[in-house]
Protein backbone atom coordinates (compact mmCIF):
# COMPACT_ATOMS: atom_id res chain seq x y z
CA MET A 1 -44.02 -10.90 -53.93
CA ALA A 2 -44.50 -11.95 -50.33
CA GLU A 3 -44.83 -9.13 -47.82
CA SER A 4 -42.17 -10.77 -45.66
CA SER A 5 -39.50 -10.62 -48.33
CA LEU A 6 -36.12 -9.08 -47.65
CA ILE A 7 -36.80 -5.98 -49.74
CA ALA A 8 -40.21 -5.39 -48.19
CA THR A 9 -38.70 -5.79 -44.72
CA MET A 10 -35.88 -3.34 -45.43
CA GLN A 11 -38.36 -0.74 -46.71
CA ARG A 12 -40.97 -1.29 -44.00
CA LYS A 13 -38.72 -1.22 -40.94
CA PRO A 14 -36.00 1.44 -41.05
CA GLY A 15 -32.88 0.19 -39.31
CA GLN A 16 -33.97 -3.46 -39.43
CA ALA A 17 -31.37 -4.57 -41.97
CA GLU A 18 -28.62 -2.65 -40.17
CA ALA A 19 -29.63 -4.33 -36.91
CA ASP A 20 -29.68 -7.75 -38.56
CA PHE A 21 -26.30 -7.17 -40.20
CA GLY A 22 -24.85 -5.65 -37.01
CA ARG A 23 -25.26 -8.89 -35.08
CA LEU A 24 -22.62 -10.56 -37.24
CA ASP A 25 -19.13 -9.69 -38.39
CA ALA A 26 -18.84 -8.17 -41.88
CA LYS A 27 -17.30 -11.29 -43.42
CA THR A 28 -20.25 -13.43 -42.28
CA VAL A 29 -22.74 -10.88 -43.62
CA VAL A 30 -21.01 -10.85 -47.03
CA ARG A 31 -20.85 -14.65 -47.05
CA ASN A 32 -24.54 -14.96 -46.26
CA ILE A 33 -25.55 -12.36 -48.84
CA TYR A 34 -23.61 -14.08 -51.60
CA ILE A 35 -25.12 -17.44 -50.69
CA LEU A 36 -28.68 -16.07 -50.39
CA PHE A 37 -28.68 -14.01 -53.58
CA SER A 38 -26.77 -16.37 -55.85
CA GLY A 39 -29.90 -18.50 -56.16
CA SER A 40 -32.87 -18.00 -58.42
CA GLU A 41 -35.40 -17.59 -55.59
CA LEU A 42 -35.90 -14.49 -53.45
CA PRO A 43 -35.02 -15.33 -49.84
CA ILE A 44 -38.13 -15.06 -47.68
CA THR A 45 -38.06 -14.57 -43.93
CA GLY A 46 -40.75 -15.63 -41.53
CA GLU A 47 -42.35 -13.44 -38.89
CA ASN A 48 -39.61 -12.08 -36.57
CA GLN A 49 -36.93 -13.95 -38.53
CA GLU A 50 -33.74 -12.25 -39.65
CA ILE A 51 -32.44 -12.67 -43.19
CA MET A 52 -28.92 -13.36 -41.99
CA TYR A 53 -30.04 -16.51 -40.20
CA LEU A 54 -31.53 -18.17 -43.29
CA VAL A 55 -28.05 -19.46 -44.20
CA GLU A 56 -26.75 -22.58 -42.52
CA PRO A 57 -23.10 -22.16 -41.42
CA ALA A 58 -22.07 -25.27 -43.41
CA THR A 59 -23.50 -23.94 -46.69
CA PRO A 60 -20.65 -23.59 -49.20
CA LEU A 61 -19.90 -20.39 -51.05
CA PRO A 62 -21.03 -20.21 -54.68
CA PRO A 63 -18.30 -21.83 -56.83
CA TRP A 64 -17.41 -18.54 -58.54
CA PHE A 65 -16.93 -16.65 -55.23
CA THR A 66 -13.68 -17.63 -53.55
CA GLU A 67 -12.50 -17.46 -49.96
CA GLU A 68 -10.08 -14.76 -51.14
CA ASP A 69 -13.02 -12.76 -52.55
CA LEU A 70 -14.84 -13.19 -49.25
CA ALA A 71 -11.83 -12.02 -47.23
CA THR A 72 -11.39 -8.95 -49.44
CA TYR A 73 -15.06 -7.94 -49.43
CA GLY A 74 -15.36 -8.66 -45.71
CA ALA A 75 -12.39 -6.40 -44.95
CA LEU A 76 -13.80 -3.59 -47.10
CA TYR A 77 -17.23 -3.74 -45.45
CA GLU A 78 -15.60 -3.97 -42.04
CA LYS A 79 -14.19 -0.49 -42.76
CA SER A 80 -17.20 1.10 -44.48
CA GLY A 81 -20.17 -0.69 -42.98
CA PHE A 82 -23.30 -1.51 -44.95
CA ARG A 83 -25.30 1.72 -44.71
CA THR A 84 -24.61 2.93 -48.28
CA ALA A 85 -24.98 -0.53 -49.77
CA LEU A 86 -28.41 -0.81 -48.15
CA LYS A 87 -29.57 2.57 -49.46
CA VAL A 88 -28.99 1.81 -53.11
CA PRO A 89 -31.25 0.83 -54.74
CA TYR A 90 -33.73 -0.73 -52.33
CA ARG A 91 -34.26 2.15 -49.93
CA SER A 92 -34.23 4.80 -52.62
CA LEU A 93 -37.16 3.30 -54.54
CA ASN A 94 -39.82 5.10 -52.50
CA SER A 95 -38.05 8.47 -52.59
CA LEU A 96 -37.29 8.53 -56.32
CA HIS A 97 -40.57 10.25 -57.16
CA GLU A 98 -40.10 13.19 -54.82
CA GLY A 99 -39.69 16.36 -56.86
CA PHE A 100 -39.71 14.58 -60.23
CA ASP A 101 -42.32 14.13 -62.92
CA LEU A 102 -42.25 10.40 -63.54
CA THR A 103 -45.07 10.19 -66.09
CA ASN A 104 -42.75 9.27 -68.98
CA LEU A 105 -40.19 6.76 -67.80
CA ASN A 106 -38.85 5.78 -71.21
CA VAL A 107 -35.10 5.91 -71.64
CA GLU A 108 -34.56 7.82 -74.89
CA VAL A 109 -30.88 7.02 -75.34
CA PRO A 110 -29.20 3.67 -75.91
CA ALA A 111 -28.95 1.83 -72.60
CA LEU A 112 -27.81 -1.62 -71.59
CA LEU A 113 -29.06 -3.51 -68.56
CA ILE A 114 -27.28 -6.80 -67.98
CA MET A 115 -29.04 -9.33 -65.80
CA GLY A 116 -28.83 -12.99 -65.10
CA LYS A 117 -31.78 -14.88 -66.55
CA LYS A 118 -32.00 -16.78 -63.24
CA ASP A 119 -31.85 -13.65 -61.06
CA TYR A 120 -34.80 -13.67 -58.68
CA VAL A 121 -35.57 -10.12 -59.87
CA MET A 122 -36.56 -11.62 -63.22
CA LYS A 123 -39.55 -13.23 -61.47
CA PHE A 124 -41.11 -9.89 -60.54
CA PRO A 125 -44.35 -9.40 -62.50
CA GLY A 126 -43.85 -7.37 -65.67
CA ILE A 127 -40.04 -7.26 -65.55
CA GLU A 128 -39.75 -9.09 -68.89
CA ASP A 129 -41.44 -6.07 -70.52
CA TYR A 130 -38.43 -3.94 -69.61
CA VAL A 131 -35.48 -6.31 -69.92
CA ARG A 132 -35.24 -7.26 -73.57
CA SER A 133 -31.54 -7.96 -74.00
CA GLY A 134 -28.38 -8.33 -72.01
CA GLN A 135 -29.47 -11.47 -70.23
CA VAL A 136 -26.93 -14.10 -69.30
CA PRO A 137 -28.82 -17.44 -69.38
CA GLU A 138 -27.19 -19.08 -66.34
CA GLY A 139 -26.56 -15.88 -64.39
CA THR A 140 -28.17 -14.93 -61.10
CA HIS A 141 -28.04 -11.69 -59.07
CA PHE A 142 -24.24 -11.47 -59.21
CA VAL A 143 -23.96 -12.11 -62.94
CA GLN A 144 -20.94 -9.81 -63.36
CA GLU A 145 -18.99 -11.97 -60.93
CA GLN A 146 -20.31 -15.30 -62.15
CA PHE A 147 -19.75 -14.68 -65.84
CA PRO A 148 -17.36 -11.74 -66.25
CA GLU A 149 -16.37 -12.65 -69.81
CA GLN A 150 -19.97 -12.84 -71.01
CA VAL A 151 -20.77 -9.54 -69.31
CA ASN A 152 -17.69 -7.92 -70.86
CA GLN A 153 -18.71 -9.21 -74.31
CA LEU A 154 -22.22 -7.78 -73.92
CA ILE A 155 -20.75 -4.41 -72.92
CA LEU A 156 -18.28 -4.39 -75.81
CA ALA A 157 -20.97 -5.36 -78.32
CA PHE A 158 -23.21 -2.59 -76.99
CA LEU A 159 -20.41 -0.02 -77.24
CA ARG A 160 -19.50 -1.11 -80.78
CA LYS A 161 -23.12 -0.81 -81.84
CA HIS A 162 -23.63 2.62 -80.27
CA SER A 163 -20.26 4.32 -80.79
């Protein structure tokens, strides 16, 4: 993964993402995030470039994310801000090991992780070793919003199998 990726930038420079997001209204930030992360490639910024400015204003929303969705999410983030959303999970990755023995990371109980097969996360080296089921073939990072029925069916099948 390129050192200038969004995740690397958010971990490397505390406050950078908040500053980037703070230059725009909440609705524009949500719009840009949904456009950037609905693709199958991780958005990469250049030196001194902000992630929010990778989206051209004329770029349409993903077809499964409506203007009504955007208005609702924008209003919610206008109230709460983005601080909590930025902490989980990206910022917590480096602090997870503090005070914990992480030598055996196997999940010993039934667990289901649902991901879009086209999510950029699926391109991280070694990820296929951990994600064996629960993939939605055409899904990207927002698979639960793109394909809610498929996600619901995977959850129900998992619960039937393990109840």
